[in-house]
Amino acid sequence: MKATPGSPISGEKYKNEAAREIAIKKYNLDKPVFEQYTLYMNDLIHGDLGESIVRPGRDVGTTISQSFPVTARLGAIAFASALVIGVALGTAAALSKRKWLNNLCMFIATIGVSVPSFLIGVLLMIVLGVKLKLFPFVGLTSPAHYVLPALSLAFYPIAMVCRLTRSSMLEVMRQDYIILARSKGTPYKKVVIKHALKNALIPVITYAGPAFAYMLTGSFVIETLFSVPGIGREMVSSIQTRDYSMIMGLTIFLGFLVISFNIITDLLSAVVDPRIKLK
């Protein structure tokens, strides 16, 4: 950020030279970059993420504590929707003998992978929000406000979960233990739910960790597009204003979440799949 044009003290908060000089000394902007980094890391070790340069008096930790619950709530809804819809579509595509259903599921999966989430969001906003007026699309003041941003955020994970479930389910259904269970007269639904689906979901669990982290940290564009007061919009705003301390604090927090959920995913994979051994 320091290599890009602009400065956090060039905005309306610092209109005169005296105010800019005070801000430069207060936030150590007059020191070499390496020294600034050293000072920041020393504060970070003591749990201090600093305060916003553009909005003096606003603590970075406070901003995270206020904005992250909004993003987490939206991300959790999107994640649950992605798992339920994706697994259902993938299972239907793998097991159904109706070609049109398989083609429909794969078409949705292909669109989800190919089309960017912000474009999906714009299309949903135009069709379901503006034209049909089924759902509101500005802010998060009611449960109905969550529908469009959650769908936009979940569309890509839905496509990935659908494709993973379909390919894994097709492979599992050809395994010997499935054939044995069916030859014993076990009902087809029980074979699918108890035996096939459990093992078919192992690749989905592996993907779910990073996907959950992605949705919890929020899509910056989606939150900006739907005016969601979450951590993604805070990140976009801080980048636009060159708010160094806010950018660094949010990046560290989001990175911590991604690393944590990757570790949790590895542990869950070992629990679900007995073939994976932890040493």
C-alpha atoms as a PDB file:
ATOM      1  CA  MET A   1       0.000   0.000   0.000  1.00  0.00           C
ATOM      2  CA  LYS A   2       2.883   2.374   0.665  1.00  0.00           C
ATOM      3  CA  ALA A   3       4.101   1.795  -2.899  1.00  0.00           C
ATOM      4  CA  THR A   4       0.790   2.965  -4.360  1.00  0.00           C
ATOM      5  CA  PRO A   5      -0.004   6.642  -4.994  1.00  0.00           C
ATOM      6  CA  GLY A   6      -1.870   8.543  -2.282  1.00  0.00           C
ATOM      7  CA  SER A   7      -1.645   8.981   1.456  1.00  0.00           C
ATOM      8  CA  PRO A   8      -4.001   8.375   4.402  1.00  0.00           C
ATOM      9  CA  ILE A   9      -3.489  11.962   5.582  1.00  0.00           C
ATOM     10  CA  SER A  10      -4.531  13.620   2.336  1.00  0.00           C
ATOM     11  CA  GLY A  11      -8.259  13.503   3.056  1.00  0.00           C
ATOM     12  CA  GLU A  12     -10.673  15.981   4.605  1.00  0.00           C
ATOM     13  CA  LYS A  13      -9.639  15.069   8.158  1.00  0.00           C
ATOM     14  CA  TYR A  14      -6.289  16.769   7.607  1.00  0.00           C
ATOM     15  CA  LYS A  15      -7.037  19.990   5.759  1.00  0.00           C
ATOM     16  CA  ASN A  16      -4.114  22.105   6.952  1.00  0.00           C
ATOM     17  CA  GLU A  17      -0.376  21.531   7.112  1.00  0.00           C
ATOM     18  CA  ALA A  18      -0.219  21.616  10.918  1.00  0.00           C
ATOM     19  CA  ALA A  19      -2.794  18.797  11.232  1.00  0.00           C
ATOM     20  CA  ARG A  20      -0.888  16.724   8.682  1.00  0.00           C
ATOM     21  CA  GLU A  21       2.417  17.194  10.514  1.00  0.00           C
ATOM     22  CA  ILE A  22       0.842  16.094  13.812  1.00  0.00           C
ATOM     23  CA  ALA A  23      -0.690  13.008  12.144  1.00  0.00           C
ATOM     24  CA  ILE A  24       2.602  12.068  10.478  1.00  0.00           C
ATOM     25  CA  LYS A  25       4.413  12.061  13.828  1.00  0.00           C
ATOM     26  CA  LYS A  26       1.531  10.405  15.695  1.00  0.00           C
ATOM     27  CA  TYR A  27       1.336   7.452  13.300  1.00  0.00           C
ATOM     28  CA  ASN A  28       5.130   7.228  12.737  1.00  0.00           C
ATOM     29  CA  LEU A  29       4.774   7.949   9.026  1.00  0.00           C
ATOM     30  CA  ASP A  30       7.972  10.025   9.120  1.00  0.00           C
ATOM     31  CA  LYS A  31      10.042   6.962  10.008  1.00  0.00           C
ATOM     32  CA  PRO A  32      11.560   4.448   7.547  1.00  0.00           C
ATOM     33  CA  VAL A  33       9.246   1.662   6.416  1.00  0.00           C
ATOM     34  CA  PHE A  34      11.226  -1.047   8.214  1.00  0.00           C
ATOM     35  CA  GLU A  35      11.061   0.889  11.478  1.00  0.00           C
ATOM     36  CA  GLN A  36       7.320   1.382  11.020  1.00  0.00           C
ATOM     37  CA  TYR A  37       6.999  -2.372  10.510  1.00  0.00           C
ATOM     38  CA  THR A  38       9.021  -3.088  13.661  1.00  0.00           C
ATOM     39  CA  LEU A  39       6.896  -0.735  15.735  1.00  0.00           C
ATOM     40  CA  TYR A  40       3.697  -2.241  14.353  1.00  0.00           C
ATOM     41  CA  MET A  41       4.817  -5.814  15.077  1.00  0.00           C
ATOM     42  CA  ASN A  42       5.750  -4.845  18.622  1.00  0.00           C
ATOM     43  CA  ASP A  43       2.247  -3.454  19.177  1.00  0.00           C
ATOM     44  CA  LEU A  44       0.726  -6.532  17.509  1.00  0.00           C
ATOM     45  CA  ILE A  45       2.536  -8.890  19.880  1.00  0.00           C
ATOM     46  CA  HIS A  46       0.874  -7.030  22.751  1.00  0.00           C
ATOM     47  CA  GLY A  47      -2.555  -7.371  21.095  1.00  0.00           C
ATOM     48  CA  ASP A  48      -2.762  -3.804  19.807  1.00  0.00           C
ATOM     49  CA  LEU A  49      -3.911  -3.483  16.189  1.00  0.00           C
ATOM     50  CA  GLY A  50      -3.730   0.298  16.348  1.00  0.00           C
ATOM     51  CA  GLU A  51      -6.305   2.882  15.375  1.00  0.00           C
ATOM     52  CA  SER A  52      -7.580   4.119  12.046  1.00  0.00           C
ATOM     53  CA  ILE A  53      -5.512   6.886  10.473  1.00  0.00           C
ATOM     54  CA  VAL A  54      -8.376   8.162   8.334  1.00  0.00           C
ATOM     55  CA  ARG A  55     -10.882   8.007  11.228  1.00  0.00           C
ATOM     56  CA  PRO A  56      -8.909   9.079  14.306  1.00  0.00           C
ATOM     57  CA  GLY A  57     -10.091   7.553  17.565  1.00  0.00           C
ATOM     58  CA  ARG A  58     -11.634   4.497  15.871  1.00  0.00           C
ATOM     59  CA  ASP A  59      -9.817   1.380  17.070  1.00  0.00           C
ATOM     60  CA  VAL A  60      -9.129  -1.356  14.504  1.00  0.00           C
ATOM     61  CA  GLY A  61     -10.078  -4.093  16.994  1.00  0.00           C
ATOM     62  CA  THR A  62     -13.386  -2.360  17.697  1.00  0.00           C
ATOM     63  CA  THR A  63     -14.100  -2.110  13.978  1.00  0.00           C
ATOM     64  CA  ILE A  64     -13.476  -5.835  13.560  1.00  0.00           C
ATOM     65  CA  SER A  65     -15.675  -6.734  16.548  1.00  0.00           C
ATOM     66  CA  GLN A  66     -18.537  -4.630  15.147  1.00  0.00           C
ATOM     67  CA  SER A  67     -18.344  -5.597  11.471  1.00  0.00           C
ATOM     68  CA  PHE A  68     -17.319  -9.264  11.645  1.00  0.00           C
ATOM     69  CA  PRO A  69     -20.568 -10.573  13.256  1.00  0.00           C
ATOM     70  CA  VAL A  70     -22.495  -9.167  10.278  1.00  0.00           C
ATOM     71  CA  THR A  71     -20.155 -10.869   7.815  1.00  0.00           C
ATOM     72  CA  ALA A  72     -20.136 -14.089   9.858  1.00  0.00           C
ATOM     73  CA  ARG A  73     -23.935 -14.236   9.946  1.00  0.00           C
ATOM     74  CA  LEU A  74     -24.183 -13.715   6.187  1.00  0.00           C
ATOM     75  CA  GLY A  75     -21.344 -16.184   5.566  1.00  0.00           C
ATOM     76  CA  ALA A  76     -22.909 -18.859   7.775  1.00  0.00           C
ATOM     77  CA  ILE A  77     -26.222 -18.586   5.909  1.00  0.00           C
ATOM     78  CA  ALA A  78     -24.435 -18.769   2.560  1.00  0.00           C
ATOM     79  CA  PHE A  79     -22.348 -21.745   3.728  1.00  0.00           C
ATOM     80  CA  ALA A  80     -25.360 -23.713   4.965  1.00  0.00           C
ATOM     81  CA  SER A  81     -27.211 -22.961   1.728  1.00  0.00           C
ATOM     82  CA  ALA A  82     -24.207 -24.047  -0.358  1.00  0.00           C
ATOM     83  CA  LEU A  83     -23.894 -27.380   1.451  1.00  0.00           C
ATOM     84  CA  VAL A  84     -27.598 -28.247   1.380  1.00  0.00           C
ATOM     85  CA  ILE A  85     -28.243 -27.188  -2.216  1.00  0.00           C
ATOM     86  CA  GLY A  86     -24.903 -28.434  -3.552  1.00  0.00           C
ATOM     87  CA  VAL A  87     -25.147 -31.897  -1.961  1.00  0.00           C
ATOM     88  CA  ALA A  88     -28.783 -32.247  -3.058  1.00  0.00           C
ATOM     89  CA  LEU A  89     -28.013 -31.258  -6.653  1.00  0.00           C
ATOM     90  CA  GLY A  90     -24.906 -33.439  -6.827  1.00  0.00           C
ATOM     91  CA  THR A  91     -26.691 -36.482  -5.400  1.00  0.00           C
ATOM     92  CA  ALA A  92     -29.635 -36.003  -7.750  1.00  0.00           C
ATOM     93  CA  ALA A  93     -27.320 -35.656 -10.743  1.00  0.00           C
ATOM     94  CA  ALA A  94     -25.426 -38.824  -9.794  1.00  0.00           C
ATOM     95  CA  LEU A  95     -28.381 -41.077  -8.958  1.00  0.00           C
ATOM     96  CA  SER A  96     -31.209 -39.872 -11.166  1.00  0.00           C
ATOM     97  CA  LYS A  97     -31.858 -41.724 -14.412  1.00  0.00           C
ATOM     98  CA  ARG A  98     -33.566 -38.666 -15.850  1.00  0.00           C
ATOM     99  CA  LYS A  99     -31.151 -37.069 -18.271  1.00  0.00           C
ATOM    100  CA  TRP A 100     -32.759 -33.631 -18.073  1.00  0.00           C
ATOM    101  CA  LEU A 101     -32.233 -33.502 -14.296  1.00  0.00           C
ATOM    102  CA  ASN A 102     -28.578 -34.422 -14.643  1.00  0.00           C
ATOM    103  CA  ASN A 103     -28.145 -31.799 -17.382  1.00  0.00           C
ATOM    104  CA  LEU A 104     -29.894 -29.159 -15.271  1.00  0.00           C
ATOM    105  CA  CYS A 105     -27.678 -29.844 -12.259  1.00  0.00           C
ATOM    106  CA  MET A 106     -24.515 -29.735 -14.339  1.00  0.00           C
ATOM    107  CA  PHE A 107     -25.679 -26.560 -16.081  1.00  0.00           C
ATOM    108  CA  ILE A 108     -26.123 -24.840 -12.708  1.00  0.00           C
ATOM    109  CA  ALA A 109     -22.723 -26.137 -11.606  1.00  0.00           C
ATOM    110  CA  THR A 110     -21.054 -24.880 -14.776  1.00  0.00           C
ATOM    111  CA  ILE A 111     -22.641 -21.441 -14.495  1.00  0.00           C
ATOM    112  CA  GLY A 112     -21.583 -21.194 -10.856  1.00  0.00           C
ATOM    113  CA  VAL A 113     -17.963 -21.981 -11.663  1.00  0.00           C
ATOM    114  CA  SER A 114     -17.786 -19.844 -14.810  1.00  0.00           C
ATOM    115  CA  VAL A 115     -19.613 -16.652 -13.850  1.00  0.00           C
ATOM    116  CA  PRO A 116     -18.058 -14.315 -11.216  1.00  0.00           C
ATOM    117  CA  SER A 117     -20.025 -13.869  -8.001  1.00  0.00           C
ATOM    118  CA  PHE A 118     -20.401 -10.116  -8.461  1.00  0.00           C
ATOM    119  CA  LEU A 119     -22.075 -10.678 -11.850  1.00  0.00           C
ATOM    120  CA  ILE A 120     -24.402 -13.247 -10.289  1.00  0.00           C
ATOM    121  CA  GLY A 121     -25.184 -10.644  -7.621  1.00  0.00           C
ATOM    122  CA  VAL A 122     -25.972  -7.960 -10.195  1.00  0.00           C
ATOM    123  CA  LEU A 123     -28.240 -10.337 -12.146  1.00  0.00           C
ATOM    124  CA  LEU A 124     -30.090 -11.399  -8.993  1.00  0.00           C
ATOM    125  CA  MET A 125     -30.432  -7.785  -7.961  1.00  0.00           C
ATOM    126  CA  ILE A 126     -31.883  -6.760 -11.351  1.00  0.00           C
ATOM    127  CA  VAL A 127     -34.214  -9.736 -11.818  1.00  0.00           C
ATOM    128  CA  LEU A 128     -35.397 -10.560  -8.285  1.00  0.00           C
ATOM    129  CA  GLY A 129     -34.934  -7.137  -6.728  1.00  0.00           C
ATOM    130  CA  VAL A 130     -35.717  -4.498  -9.356  1.00  0.00           C
ATOM    131  CA  LYS A 131     -37.899  -6.273 -11.917  1.00  0.00           C
ATOM    132  CA  LEU A 132     -39.896  -8.741  -9.810  1.00  0.00           C
ATOM    133  CA  LYS A 133     -39.440  -6.877  -6.491  1.00  0.00           C
ATOM    134  CA  LEU A 134     -39.372 -10.139  -4.546  1.00  0.00           C
ATOM    135  CA  PHE A 135     -36.470  -9.309  -2.242  1.00  0.00           C
ATOM    136  CA  PRO A 136     -34.883  -6.092  -0.930  1.00  0.00           C
ATOM    137  CA  PHE A 137     -31.226  -5.660  -1.821  1.00  0.00           C
ATOM    138  CA  VAL A 138     -29.833  -2.757   0.233  1.00  0.00           C
ATOM    139  CA  GLY A 139     -28.553  -3.403   3.756  1.00  0.00           C
ATOM    140  CA  LEU A 140     -29.468  -6.213   6.165  1.00  0.00           C
ATOM    141  CA  THR A 141     -32.371  -4.854   8.170  1.00  0.00           C
ATOM    142  CA  SER A 142     -34.654  -7.919   7.855  1.00  0.00           C
ATOM    143  CA  PRO A 143     -34.353 -11.669   7.100  1.00  0.00           C
ATOM    144  CA  ALA A 144     -35.464 -11.019   3.513  1.00  0.00           C
ATOM    145  CA  HIS A 145     -32.416  -8.785   3.002  1.00  0.00           C
ATOM    146  CA  TYR A 146     -30.122 -11.817   3.451  1.00  0.00           C
ATOM    147  CA  VAL A 147     -31.539 -13.777   0.498  1.00  0.00           C
ATOM    148  CA  LEU A 148     -29.846 -12.069  -2.459  1.00  0.00           C
ATOM    149  CA  PRO A 149     -26.381 -11.472  -0.955  1.00  0.00           C
ATOM    150  CA  ALA A 150     -26.345 -14.999   0.538  1.00  0.00           C
ATOM    151  CA  LEU A 151     -27.273 -16.553  -2.824  1.00  0.00           C
ATOM    152  CA  SER A 152     -24.660 -14.458  -4.604  1.00  0.00           C
ATOM    153  CA  LEU A 153     -22.015 -15.499  -2.101  1.00  0.00           C
ATOM    154  CA  ALA A 154     -23.083 -19.169  -2.155  1.00  0.00           C
ATOM    155  CA  PHE A 155     -23.440 -19.668  -5.902  1.00  0.00           C
ATOM    156  CA  TYR A 156     -19.815 -20.616  -6.571  1.00  0.00           C
ATOM    157  CA  PRO A 157     -19.576 -22.980  -3.549  1.00  0.00           C
ATOM    158  CA  ILE A 158     -22.891 -24.547  -4.613  1.00  0.00           C
ATOM    159  CA  ALA A 159     -21.374 -25.319  -8.012  1.00  0.00           C
ATOM    160  CA  MET A 160     -18.200 -26.775  -6.489  1.00  0.00           C
ATOM    161  CA  VAL A 161     -20.034 -28.891  -3.909  1.00  0.00           C
ATOM    162  CA  CYS A 162     -22.421 -30.134  -6.611  1.00  0.00           C
ATOM    163  CA  ARG A 163     -19.574 -31.230  -8.893  1.00  0.00           C
ATOM    164  CA  LEU A 164     -17.611 -32.853  -6.043  1.00  0.00           C
ATOM    165  CA  THR A 165     -20.670 -34.692  -4.717  1.00  0.00           C
ATOM    166  CA  ARG A 166     -21.693 -35.943  -8.154  1.00  0.00           C
ATOM    167  CA  SER A 167     -18.278 -37.314  -9.133  1.00  0.00           C
ATOM    168  CA  SER A 168     -17.669 -38.817  -5.681  1.00  0.00           C
ATOM    169  CA  MET A 169     -21.138 -40.365  -5.515  1.00  0.00           C
ATOM    170  CA  LEU A 170     -20.739 -41.992  -8.938  1.00  0.00           C
ATOM    171  CA  GLU A 171     -17.460 -43.536  -7.787  1.00  0.00           C
ATOM    172  CA  VAL A 172     -18.812 -44.701  -4.423  1.00  0.00           C
ATOM    173  CA  MET A 173     -21.890 -46.345  -5.940  1.00  0.00           C
ATOM    174  CA  ARG A 174     -19.591 -48.671  -7.908  1.00  0.00           C
ATOM    175  CA  GLN A 175     -17.734 -49.873  -4.806  1.00  0.00           C
ATOM    176  CA  ASP A 176     -17.986 -53.496  -3.634  1.00  0.00           C
ATOM    177  CA  TYR A 177     -19.518 -52.690  -0.240  1.00  0.00           C
ATOM    178  CA  ILE A 178     -22.388 -50.848  -1.938  1.00  0.00           C
ATOM    179  CA  ILE A 179     -23.025 -53.814  -4.221  1.00  0.00           C
ATOM    180  CA  LEU A 180     -22.884 -56.136  -1.191  1.00  0.00           C
ATOM    181  CA  ALA A 181     -25.337 -53.992   0.790  1.00  0.00           C
ATOM    182  CA  ARG A 182     -27.803 -53.976  -2.100  1.00  0.00           C
ATOM    183  CA  SER A 183     -27.417 -57.728  -2.648  1.00  0.00           C
ATOM    184  CA  LYS A 184     -28.427 -58.266   1.002  1.00  0.00           C
ATOM    185  CA  GLY A 185     -31.724 -56.576   0.273  1.00  0.00           C
ATOM    186  CA  THR A 186     -30.971 -53.301   2.067  1.00  0.00           C
ATOM    187  CA  PRO A 187     -33.424 -50.605   0.925  1.00  0.00           C
ATOM    188  CA  TYR A 188     -31.989 -48.335  -1.749  1.00  0.00           C
ATOM    189  CA  LYS A 189     -32.546 -45.139   0.269  1.00  0.00           C
ATOM    190  CA  LYS A 190     -30.754 -46.623   3.285  1.00  0.00           C
ATOM    191  CA  VAL A 191     -27.811 -47.671   1.107  1.00  0.00           C
ATOM    192  CA  VAL A 192     -27.515 -44.155  -0.305  1.00  0.00           C
ATOM    193  CA  ILE A 193     -27.900 -42.280   2.985  1.00  0.00           C
ATOM    194  CA  LYS A 194     -26.053 -44.601   5.378  1.00  0.00           C
ATOM    195  CA  HIS A 195     -23.279 -45.967   3.176  1.00  0.00           C
ATOM    196  CA  ALA A 196     -22.810 -44.008  -0.037  1.00  0.00           C
ATOM    197  CA  LEU A 197     -23.433 -40.426   1.041  1.00  0.00           C
ATOM    198  CA  LYS A 198     -21.156 -40.594   4.083  1.00  0.00           C
ATOM    199  CA  ASN A 199     -18.162 -41.648   2.023  1.00  0.00           C
ATOM    200  CA  ALA A 200     -19.066 -39.422  -0.918  1.00  0.00           C
ATOM    201  CA  LEU A 201     -18.925 -36.356   1.332  1.00  0.00           C
ATOM    202  CA  ILE A 202     -15.225 -36.725   2.195  1.00  0.00           C
ATOM    203  CA  PRO A 203     -14.088 -34.506  -0.733  1.00  0.00           C
ATOM    204  CA  VAL A 204     -16.846 -32.041   0.184  1.00  0.00           C
ATOM    205  CA  ILE A 205     -15.541 -31.796   3.761  1.00  0.00           C
ATOM    206  CA  THR A 206     -12.042 -31.134   2.438  1.00  0.00           C
ATOM    207  CA  TYR A 207     -13.397 -28.304   0.307  1.00  0.00           C
ATOM    208  CA  ALA A 208     -15.779 -27.011   2.991  1.00  0.00           C
ATOM    209  CA  GLY A 209     -13.059 -25.630   5.294  1.00  0.00           C
ATOM    210  CA  PRO A 210     -11.523 -23.121   2.863  1.00  0.00           C
ATOM    211  CA  ALA A 211     -15.004 -22.373   1.487  1.00  0.00           C
ATOM    212  CA  PHE A 212     -16.325 -21.593   4.968  1.00  0.00           C
ATOM    213  CA  ALA A 213     -13.337 -19.353   5.640  1.00  0.00           C
ATOM    214  CA  TYR A 214     -13.949 -17.588   2.329  1.00  0.00           C
ATOM    215  CA  MET A 215     -17.603 -16.993   3.164  1.00  0.00           C
ATOM    216  CA  LEU A 216     -16.907 -15.936   6.751  1.00  0.00           C
ATOM    217  CA  THR A 217     -14.326 -13.415   5.630  1.00  0.00           C
ATOM    218  CA  GLY A 218     -16.885 -12.244   3.127  1.00  0.00           C
ATOM    219  CA  SER A 219     -16.787 -11.287  -0.486  1.00  0.00           C
ATOM    220  CA  PHE A 220     -15.590  -7.700  -0.677  1.00  0.00           C
ATOM    221  CA  VAL A 221     -17.498  -7.002  -3.888  1.00  0.00           C
ATOM    222  CA  ILE A 222     -20.735  -8.647  -2.694  1.00  0.00           C
ATOM    223  CA  GLU A 223     -20.772  -6.679   0.556  1.00  0.00           C
ATOM    224  CA  THR A 224     -20.088  -3.443  -1.308  1.00  0.00           C
ATOM    225  CA  LEU A 225     -22.688  -4.282  -3.968  1.00  0.00           C
ATOM    226  CA  PHE A 226     -25.476  -4.952  -1.447  1.00  0.00           C
ATOM    227  CA  SER A 227     -24.353  -2.269   1.059  1.00  0.00           C
ATOM    228  CA  VAL A 228     -23.681  -4.876   3.744  1.00  0.00           C
ATOM    229  CA  PRO A 229     -21.975  -3.270   6.776  1.00  0.00           C
ATOM    230  CA  GLY A 230     -19.486  -6.113   7.111  1.00  0.00           C
ATOM    231  CA  ILE A 231     -15.760  -6.621   7.218  1.00  0.00           C
ATOM    232  CA  GLY A 232     -15.467  -6.797   3.426  1.00  0.00           C
ATOM    233  CA  ARG A 233     -16.855  -3.311   2.960  1.00  0.00           C
ATOM    234  CA  GLU A 234     -14.496  -2.055   5.682  1.00  0.00           C
ATOM    235  CA  MET A 235     -11.571  -3.542   3.762  1.00  0.00           C
ATOM    236  CA  VAL A 236     -12.619  -1.921   0.478  1.00  0.00           C
ATOM    237  CA  SER A 237     -13.124   1.430   2.195  1.00  0.00           C
ATOM    238  CA  SER A 238      -9.744   1.264   3.947  1.00  0.00           C
ATOM    239  CA  ILE A 239      -7.951   0.415   0.699  1.00  0.00           C
ATOM    240  CA  GLN A 240      -9.600   3.333  -1.095  1.00  0.00           C
ATOM    241  CA  THR A 241      -8.530   5.758   1.634  1.00  0.00           C
ATOM    242  CA  ARG A 242      -5.042   4.221   2.146  1.00  0.00           C
ATOM    243  CA  ASP A 243      -5.821   3.540   5.805  1.00  0.00           C
ATOM    244  CA  TYR A 244      -2.656   1.518   6.525  1.00  0.00           C
ATOM    245  CA  SER A 245      -3.425   0.386  10.072  1.00  0.00           C
ATOM    246  CA  MET A 246      -6.968  -0.707   9.174  1.00  0.00           C
ATOM    247  CA  ILE A 247      -5.742  -2.618   6.110  1.00  0.00           C
ATOM    248  CA  MET A 248      -3.066  -4.446   8.098  1.00  0.00           C
ATOM    249  CA  GLY A 249      -5.393  -5.277  10.987  1.00  0.00           C
ATOM    250  CA  LEU A 250      -8.121  -6.656   8.737  1.00  0.00           C
ATOM    251  CA  THR A 251      -5.619  -8.637   6.655  1.00  0.00           C
ATOM    252  CA  ILE A 252      -4.096 -10.262   9.747  1.00  0.00           C
ATOM    253  CA  PHE A 253      -7.538 -11.143  11.099  1.00  0.00           C
ATOM    254  CA  LEU A 254      -8.759 -12.624   7.801  1.00  0.00           C
ATOM    255  CA  GLY A 255      -5.519 -14.558   7.355  1.00  0.00           C
ATOM    256  CA  PHE A 256      -5.888 -15.994  10.851  1.00  0.00           C
ATOM    257  CA  LEU A 257      -9.390 -17.229  10.004  1.00  0.00           C
ATOM    258  CA  VAL A 258      -8.294 -18.878   6.762  1.00  0.00           C
ATOM    259  CA  ILE A 259      -5.377 -20.693   8.441  1.00  0.00           C
ATOM    260  CA  SER A 260      -7.557 -21.800  11.376  1.00  0.00           C
ATOM    261  CA  PHE A 261     -10.293 -23.278   9.190  1.00  0.00           C
ATOM    262  CA  ASN A 262      -7.762 -25.088   7.013  1.00  0.00           C
ATOM    263  CA  ILE A 263      -6.381 -26.769  10.140  1.00  0.00           C
ATOM    264  CA  ILE A 264      -9.883 -27.658  11.362  1.00  0.00           C
ATOM    265  CA  THR A 265     -10.676 -29.141   7.942  1.00  0.00           C
ATOM    266  CA  ASP A 266      -7.620 -31.398   8.088  1.00  0.00           C
ATOM    267  CA  LEU A 267      -8.632 -32.623  11.550  1.00  0.00           C
ATOM    268  CA  LEU A 268     -12.232 -33.282  10.464  1.00  0.00           C
ATOM    269  CA  SER A 269     -11.037 -35.168   7.392  1.00  0.00           C
ATOM    270  CA  ALA A 270      -9.048 -37.500   9.656  1.00  0.00           C
ATOM    271  CA  VAL A 271     -12.120 -38.071  11.842  1.00  0.00           C
ATOM    272  CA  VAL A 272     -14.464 -38.802   8.924  1.00  0.00           C
ATOM    273  CA  ASP A 273     -12.034 -40.877   6.857  1.00  0.00           C
ATOM    274  CA  PRO A 274     -10.308 -43.589   8.962  1.00  0.00           C
ATOM    275  CA  ARG A 275      -7.760 -44.081   6.171  1.00  0.00           C
ATOM    276  CA  ILE A 276      -6.187 -40.763   7.120  1.00  0.00           C
ATOM    277  CA  LYS A 277      -3.869 -41.121  10.089  1.00  0.00           C
ATOM    278  CA  LEU A 278      -2.552 -38.243  12.155  1.00  0.00           C
ATOM    279  CA  LYS A 279       1.039 -38.677  13.289  1.00  0.00           C
END
